[in-house]
Amino acid sequence: MKTLCSLLLIGCLLFSYDTPVVGELKHLGMTAETEWCRLFEGFCHDKNCPPPTSHVGSCHPEKRSCCKDRR
């Protein structure tokens, strides 16, 4: 019984926290959003897009706006 409880405790401790791999996957998603914005000749802006630009999407971290010049 002690062995079973010990194995269960070890298993819970191993899977109870975010591993570094999960952090890396979040970073990849952030990079993909930013690269998507720059691919369409946009730029990330902290708040609303400035007047000569338009909102075309979002840059993932902090939900920033992806802005592009109107042409």
PDB file of N, CA and C in Angstrom:
ATOM      1  N   MET A   1       0.822  -1.196   0.000  1.00  0.00           N
ATOM      2  CA  MET A   1       0.000   0.000   0.000  1.00  0.00           C
ATOM      3  C   MET A   1       0.866   1.260   0.000  1.00  0.00           C
ATOM      4  N   LYS A   2       1.971   1.217   0.768  1.00  0.00           N
ATOM      5  CA  LYS A   2       2.865   2.374   0.805  1.00  0.00           C
ATOM      6  C   LYS A   2       3.465   2.631  -0.573  1.00  0.00           C
ATOM      7  N   THR A   3       3.788   1.562  -1.287  1.00  0.00           N
ATOM      8  CA  THR A   3       4.389   1.711  -2.613  1.00  0.00           C
ATOM      9  C   THR A   3       3.396   2.355  -3.574  1.00  0.00           C
ATOM     10  N   LEU A   4       2.164   1.921  -3.530  1.00  0.00           N
ATOM     11  CA  LEU A   4       1.136   2.482  -4.397  1.00  0.00           C
ATOM     12  C   LEU A   4       0.916   3.969  -4.108  1.00  0.00           C
ATOM     13  N   CYS A   5       0.837   4.315  -2.844  1.00  0.00           N
ATOM     14  CA  CYS A   5       0.662   5.725  -2.469  1.00  0.00           C
ATOM     15  C   CYS A   5       1.876   6.557  -2.877  1.00  0.00           C
ATOM     16  N   SER A   6       3.062   5.994  -2.723  1.00  0.00           N
ATOM     17  CA  SER A   6       4.282   6.713  -3.110  1.00  0.00           C
ATOM     18  C   SER A   6       4.306   6.959  -4.612  1.00  0.00           C
ATOM     19  N   LEU A   7       3.948   5.964  -5.407  1.00  0.00           N
ATOM     20  CA  LEU A   7       3.914   6.128  -6.857  1.00  0.00           C
ATOM     21  C   LEU A   7       2.863   7.157  -7.275  1.00  0.00           C
ATOM     22  N   LEU A   8       1.725   7.128  -6.623  1.00  0.00           N
ATOM     23  CA  LEU A   8       0.674   8.094  -6.918  1.00  0.00           C
ATOM     24  C   LEU A   8       1.127   9.517  -6.575  1.00  0.00           C
ATOM     25  N   LEU A   9       1.796   9.678  -5.449  1.00  0.00           N
ATOM     26  CA  LEU A   9       2.304  10.987  -5.048  1.00  0.00           C
ATOM     27  C   LEU A   9       3.353  11.496  -6.032  1.00  0.00           C
ATOM     28  N   ILE A  10       4.263  10.628  -6.446  1.00  0.00           N
ATOM     29  CA  ILE A  10       5.295  11.014  -7.411  1.00  0.00           C
ATOM     30  C   ILE A  10       4.653  11.413  -8.739  1.00  0.00           C
ATOM     31  N   GLY A  11       3.670  10.641  -9.183  1.00  0.00           N
ATOM     32  CA  GLY A  11       2.977  10.967 -10.432  1.00  0.00           C
ATOM     33  C   GLY A  11       2.265  12.307 -10.356  1.00  0.00           C
ATOM     34  N   CYS A  12       1.616  12.583  -9.241  1.00  0.00           N
ATOM     35  CA  CYS A  12       0.929  13.872  -9.080  1.00  0.00           C
ATOM     36  C   CYS A  12       1.919  15.027  -9.070  1.00  0.00           C
ATOM     37  N   LEU A  13       3.042  14.850  -8.405  1.00  0.00           N
ATOM     38  CA  LEU A  13       4.046  15.914  -8.352  1.00  0.00           C
ATOM     39  C   LEU A  13       4.675  16.164  -9.719  1.00  0.00           C
ATOM     40  N   LEU A  14       4.875  15.117 -10.495  1.00  0.00           N
ATOM     41  CA  LEU A  14       5.488  15.280 -11.812  1.00  0.00           C
ATOM     42  C   LEU A  14       4.583  16.029 -12.788  1.00  0.00           C
ATOM     43  N   PHE A  15       3.288  15.796 -12.707  1.00  0.00           N
ATOM     44  CA  PHE A  15       2.370  16.373 -13.683  1.00  0.00           C
ATOM     45  C   PHE A  15       1.571  17.561 -13.155  1.00  0.00           C
ATOM     46  N   SER A  16       1.933  18.101 -11.989  1.00  0.00           N
ATOM     47  CA  SER A  16       1.136  19.172 -11.395  1.00  0.00           C
ATOM     48  C   SER A  16       1.613  20.575 -11.748  1.00  0.00           C
ATOM     49  N   TYR A  17       2.700  20.725 -12.476  1.00  0.00           N
ATOM     50  CA  TYR A  17       3.209  22.055 -12.805  1.00  0.00           C
ATOM     51  C   TYR A  17       3.457  22.150 -14.301  1.00  0.00           C
ATOM     52  N   ASP A  18       3.544  23.388 -14.803  1.00  0.00           N
ATOM     53  CA  ASP A  18       3.855  23.610 -16.221  1.00  0.00           C
ATOM     54  C   ASP A  18       5.313  23.285 -16.477  1.00  0.00           C
ATOM     55  N   THR A  19       5.544  22.481 -17.461  1.00  0.00           N
ATOM     56  CA  THR A  19       6.918  22.143 -17.809  1.00  0.00           C
ATOM     57  C   THR A  19       7.485  23.223 -18.718  1.00  0.00           C
ATOM     58  N   PRO A  20       8.788  23.313 -18.862  1.00  0.00           N
ATOM     59  CA  PRO A  20       9.373  24.305 -19.770  1.00  0.00           C
ATOM     60  C   PRO A  20       8.899  24.146 -21.211  1.00  0.00           C
ATOM     61  N   VAL A  21       8.516  22.933 -21.584  1.00  0.00           N
ATOM     62  CA  VAL A  21       8.046  22.703 -22.947  1.00  0.00           C
ATOM     63  C   VAL A  21       6.765  23.496 -23.203  1.00  0.00           C
ATOM     64  N   VAL A  22       5.885  23.574 -22.223  1.00  0.00           N
ATOM     65  CA  VAL A  22       4.646  24.329 -22.386  1.00  0.00           C
ATOM     66  C   VAL A  22       4.962  25.802 -22.591  1.00  0.00           C
ATOM     67  N   GLY A  23       5.925  26.326 -21.854  1.00  0.00           N
ATOM     68  CA  GLY A  23       6.340  27.710 -22.036  1.00  0.00           C
ATOM     69  C   GLY A  23       6.887  27.961 -23.427  1.00  0.00           C
ATOM     70  N   GLU A  24       7.635  27.012 -23.968  1.00  0.00           N
ATOM     71  CA  GLU A  24       8.181  27.159 -25.318  1.00  0.00           C
ATOM     72  C   GLU A  24       7.071  27.153 -26.359  1.00  0.00           C
ATOM     73  N   LEU A  25       6.042  26.352 -26.155  1.00  0.00           N
ATOM     74  CA  LEU A  25       4.937  26.322 -27.108  1.00  0.00           C
ATOM     75  C   LEU A  25       4.192  27.650 -27.117  1.00  0.00           C
ATOM     76  N   LYS A  26       4.045  28.278 -25.954  1.00  0.00           N
ATOM     77  CA  LYS A  26       3.396  29.588 -25.904  1.00  0.00           C
ATOM     78  C   LYS A  26       4.228  30.611 -26.661  1.00  0.00           C
ATOM     79  N   HIS A  27       5.542  30.520 -26.532  1.00  0.00           N
ATOM     80  CA  HIS A  27       6.428  31.452 -27.227  1.00  0.00           C
ATOM     81  C   HIS A  27       6.317  31.271 -28.744  1.00  0.00           C
ATOM     82  N   LEU A  28       6.171  30.027 -29.208  1.00  0.00           N
ATOM     83  CA  LEU A  28       6.033  29.788 -30.645  1.00  0.00           C
ATOM     84  C   LEU A  28       4.761  30.419 -31.185  1.00  0.00           C
ATOM     85  N   GLY A  29       3.674  30.342 -30.439  1.00  0.00           N
ATOM     86  CA  GLY A  29       2.430  30.972 -30.861  1.00  0.00           C
ATOM     87  C   GLY A  29       2.565  32.476 -30.953  1.00  0.00           C
ATOM     88  N   MET A  30       3.280  33.050 -29.980  1.00  0.00           N
ATOM     89  CA  MET A  30       3.499  34.490 -29.993  1.00  0.00           C
ATOM     90  C   MET A  30       4.308  34.895 -31.212  1.00  0.00           C
ATOM     91  N   THR A  31       5.347  34.144 -31.530  1.00  0.00           N
ATOM     92  CA  THR A  31       6.193  34.462 -32.672  1.00  0.00           C
ATOM     93  C   THR A  31       5.399  34.351 -33.967  1.00  0.00           C
ATOM     94  N   ALA A  32       4.543  33.349 -34.069  1.00  0.00           N
ATOM     95  CA  ALA A  32       3.758  33.165 -35.288  1.00  0.00           C
ATOM     96  C   ALA A  32       2.828  34.356 -35.522  1.00  0.00           C
ATOM     97  N   GLU A  33       2.193  34.863 -34.461  1.00  0.00           N
ATOM     98  CA  GLU A  33       1.295  36.015 -34.599  1.00  0.00           C
ATOM     99  C   GLU A  33       2.064  37.249 -35.057  1.00  0.00           C
ATOM    100  N   THR A  34       3.229  37.485 -34.459  1.00  0.00           N
ATOM    101  CA  THR A  34       4.025  38.659 -34.807  1.00  0.00           C
ATOM    102  C   THR A  34       4.547  38.552 -36.229  1.00  0.00           C
ATOM    103  N   GLU A  35       5.012  37.364 -36.624  1.00  0.00           N
ATOM    104  CA  GLU A  35       5.506  37.173 -37.990  1.00  0.00           C
ATOM    105  C   GLU A  35       4.383  37.316 -39.006  1.00  0.00           C
ATOM    106  N   TRP A  36       3.182  36.870 -38.659  1.00  0.00           N
ATOM    107  CA  TRP A  36       2.039  37.020 -39.565  1.00  0.00           C
ATOM    108  C   TRP A  36       1.775  38.494 -39.823  1.00  0.00           C
ATOM    109  N   CYS A  37       1.843  39.293 -38.776  1.00  0.00           N
ATOM    110  CA  CYS A  37       1.605  40.733 -38.913  1.00  0.00           C
ATOM    111  C   CYS A  37       2.665  41.365 -39.809  1.00  0.00           C
ATOM    112  N   ARG A  38       3.914  41.024 -39.602  1.00  0.00           N
ATOM    113  CA  ARG A  38       4.990  41.615 -40.405  1.00  0.00           C
ATOM    114  C   ARG A  38       4.989  41.085 -41.833  1.00  0.00           C
ATOM    115  N   LEU A  39       4.495  39.879 -42.038  1.00  0.00           N
ATOM    116  CA  LEU A  39       4.414  39.315 -43.380  1.00  0.00           C
ATOM    117  C   LEU A  39       3.491  40.154 -44.263  1.00  0.00           C
ATOM    118  N   PHE A  40       2.427  40.669 -43.676  1.00  0.00           N
ATOM    119  CA  PHE A  40       1.484  41.508 -44.410  1.00  0.00           C
ATOM    120  C   PHE A  40       1.843  42.990 -44.300  1.00  0.00           C
ATOM    121  N   GLU A  41       3.130  43.263 -44.094  1.00  0.00           N
ATOM    122  CA  GLU A  41       3.671  44.622 -44.016  1.00  0.00           C
ATOM    123  C   GLU A  41       2.987  45.458 -42.946  1.00  0.00           C
ATOM    124  N   GLY A  42       2.677  44.823 -41.828  1.00  0.00           N
ATOM    125  CA  GLY A  42       2.078  45.529 -40.708  1.00  0.00           C
ATOM    126  C   GLY A  42       3.091  45.729 -39.594  1.00  0.00           C
ATOM    127  N   PHE A  43       2.649  46.360 -38.535  1.00  0.00           N
ATOM    128  CA  PHE A  43       3.485  46.542 -37.355  1.00  0.00           C
ATOM    129  C   PHE A  43       2.603  46.445 -36.120  1.00  0.00           C
ATOM    130  N   CYS A  44       3.201  46.035 -35.015  1.00  0.00           N
ATOM    131  CA  CYS A  44       2.463  45.882 -33.766  1.00  0.00           C
ATOM    132  C   CYS A  44       2.446  47.209 -33.020  1.00  0.00           C
ATOM    133  N   HIS A  45       1.268  47.573 -32.527  1.00  0.00           N
ATOM    134  CA  HIS A  45       1.112  48.831 -31.793  1.00  0.00           C
ATOM    135  C   HIS A  45       0.422  48.522 -30.476  1.00  0.00           C
ATOM    136  N   ASP A  46       0.799  49.233 -29.408  1.00  0.00           N
ATOM    137  CA  ASP A  46       0.279  48.934 -28.072  1.00  0.00           C
ATOM    138  C   ASP A  46      -1.220  49.183 -27.925  1.00  0.00           C
ATOM    139  N   LYS A  47      -1.718  50.241 -28.502  1.00  0.00           N
ATOM    140  CA  LYS A  47      -3.131  50.567 -28.329  1.00  0.00           C
ATOM    141  C   LYS A  47      -3.815  50.592 -29.686  1.00  0.00           C
ATOM    142  N   ASN A  48      -4.745  51.498 -29.877  1.00  0.00           N
ATOM    143  CA  ASN A  48      -5.420  51.619 -31.174  1.00  0.00           C
ATOM    144  C   ASN A  48      -4.436  52.086 -32.240  1.00  0.00           C
ATOM    145  N   CYS A  49      -4.705  51.717 -33.464  1.00  0.00           N
ATOM    146  CA  CYS A  49      -3.818  52.094 -34.571  1.00  0.00           C
ATOM    147  C   CYS A  49      -3.878  53.603 -34.809  1.00  0.00           C
ATOM    148  N   PRO A  50      -2.744  54.227 -35.119  1.00  0.00           N
ATOM    149  CA  PRO A  50      -2.724  55.662 -35.416  1.00  0.00           C
ATOM    150  C   PRO A  50      -3.557  55.984 -36.658  1.00  0.00           C
ATOM    151  N   PRO A  51      -4.005  57.227 -36.841  1.00  0.00           N
ATOM    152  CA  PRO A  51      -4.930  57.605 -37.917  1.00  0.00           C
ATOM    153  C   PRO A  51      -4.591  57.184 -39.343  1.00  0.00           C
ATOM    154  N   PRO A  52      -3.359  57.281 -39.849  1.00  0.00           N
ATOM    155  CA  PRO A  52      -3.193  56.901 -41.261  1.00  0.00           C
ATOM    156  C   PRO A  52      -3.123  55.389 -41.472  1.00  0.00           C
ATOM    157  N   THR A  53      -3.362  54.603 -40.425  1.00  0.00           N
ATOM    158  CA  THR A  53      -3.276  53.140 -40.537  1.00  0.00           C
ATOM    159  C   THR A  53      -4.615  52.506 -40.204  1.00  0.00           C
ATOM    160  N   SER A  54      -4.740  51.224 -40.514  1.00  0.00           N
ATOM    161  CA  SER A  54      -5.957  50.492 -40.174  1.00  0.00           C
ATOM    162  C   SER A  54      -5.600  49.218 -39.419  1.00  0.00           C
ATOM    163  N   HIS A  55      -6.542  48.745 -38.621  1.00  0.00           N
ATOM    164  CA  HIS A  55      -6.377  47.537 -37.816  1.00  0.00           C
ATOM    165  C   HIS A  55      -6.610  46.316 -38.710  1.00  0.00           C
ATOM    166  N   VAL A  56      -5.612  45.410 -38.802  1.00  0.00           N
ATOM    167  CA  VAL A  56      -5.752  44.236 -39.664  1.00  0.00           C
ATOM    168  C   VAL A  56      -5.677  42.920 -38.901  1.00  0.00           C
ATOM    169  N   GLY A  57      -5.383  42.967 -37.621  1.00  0.00           N
ATOM    170  CA  GLY A  57      -5.283  41.744 -36.837  1.00  0.00           C
ATOM    171  C   GLY A  57      -4.741  42.048 -35.456  1.00  0.00           C
ATOM    172  N   SER A  58      -4.163  41.023 -34.834  1.00  0.00           N
ATOM    173  CA  SER A  58      -3.606  41.234 -33.505  1.00  0.00           C
ATOM    174  C   SER A  58      -2.238  40.583 -33.399  1.00  0.00           C
ATOM    175  N   CYS A  59      -1.422  41.139 -32.546  1.00  0.00           N
ATOM    176  CA  CYS A  59      -0.137  40.546 -32.183  1.00  0.00           C
ATOM    177  C   CYS A  59      -0.353  39.915 -30.820  1.00  0.00           C
ATOM    178  N   HIS A  60      -0.136  38.650 -30.686  1.00  0.00           N
ATOM    179  CA  HIS A  60      -0.590  37.848 -29.561  1.00  0.00           C
ATOM    180  C   HIS A  60      -0.250  38.362 -28.162  1.00  0.00           C
ATOM    181  N   PRO A  61       0.992  38.721 -27.831  1.00  0.00           N
ATOM    182  CA  PRO A  61       1.223  39.069 -26.423  1.00  0.00           C
ATOM    183  C   PRO A  61       0.518  40.366 -26.043  1.00  0.00           C
ATOM    184  N   GLU A  62      -0.151  40.362 -24.934  1.00  0.00           N
ATOM    185  CA  GLU A  62      -0.911  41.509 -24.424  1.00  0.00           C
ATOM    186  C   GLU A  62      -2.004  41.974 -25.378  1.00  0.00           C
ATOM    187  N   LYS A  63      -2.349  41.171 -26.357  1.00  0.00           N
ATOM    188  CA  LYS A  63      -3.417  41.475 -27.329  1.00  0.00           C
ATOM    189  C   LYS A  63      -3.211  42.839 -27.984  1.00  0.00           C
ATOM    190  N   ARG A  64      -2.013  43.073 -28.455  1.00  0.00           N
ATOM    191  CA  ARG A  64      -1.709  44.324 -29.138  1.00  0.00           C
ATOM    192  C   ARG A  64      -2.296  44.305 -30.539  1.00  0.00           C
ATOM    193  N   SER A  65      -2.448  45.476 -31.134  1.00  0.00           N
ATOM    194  CA  SER A  65      -3.039  45.603 -32.468  1.00  0.00           C
ATOM    195  C   SER A  65      -1.983  45.467 -33.548  1.00  0.00           C
ATOM    196  N   CYS A  66      -2.366  44.822 -34.653  1.00  0.00           N
ATOM    197  CA  CYS A  66      -1.521  44.779 -35.841  1.00  0.00           C
ATOM    198  C   CYS A  66      -2.067  45.835 -36.790  1.00  0.00           C
ATOM    199  N   CYS A  67      -1.256  46.834 -37.085  1.00  0.00           N
ATOM    200  CA  CYS A  67      -1.676  47.970 -37.909  1.00  0.00           C
ATOM    201  C   CYS A  67      -0.966  47.935 -39.253  1.00  0.00           C
ATOM    202  N   LYS A  68      -1.645  48.456 -40.275  1.00  0.00           N
ATOM    203  CA  LYS A  68      -1.072  48.499 -41.614  1.00  0.00           C
ATOM    204  C   LYS A  68      -1.429  49.833 -42.258  1.00  0.00           C
ATOM    205  N   ASP A  69      -0.487  50.387 -43.019  1.00  0.00           N
ATOM    206  CA  ASP A  69      -0.739  51.647 -43.724  1.00  0.00           C
ATOM    207  C   ASP A  69      -1.838  51.451 -44.759  1.00  0.00           C
ATOM    208  N   ARG A  70      -2.719  52.441 -44.882  1.00  0.00           N
ATOM    209  CA  ARG A  70      -3.776  52.388 -45.901  1.00  0.00           C
ATOM    210  C   ARG A  70      -3.200  52.848 -47.226  1.00  0.00           C
ATOM    211  N   ARG A  71      -3.284  52.002 -48.212  1.00  0.00           N
ATOM    212  CA  ARG A  71      -2.790  52.354 -49.552  1.00  0.00           C
ATOM    213  C   ARG A  71      -3.723  51.803 -50.587  1.00  0.00           C
TER     214      ARG A  71
END
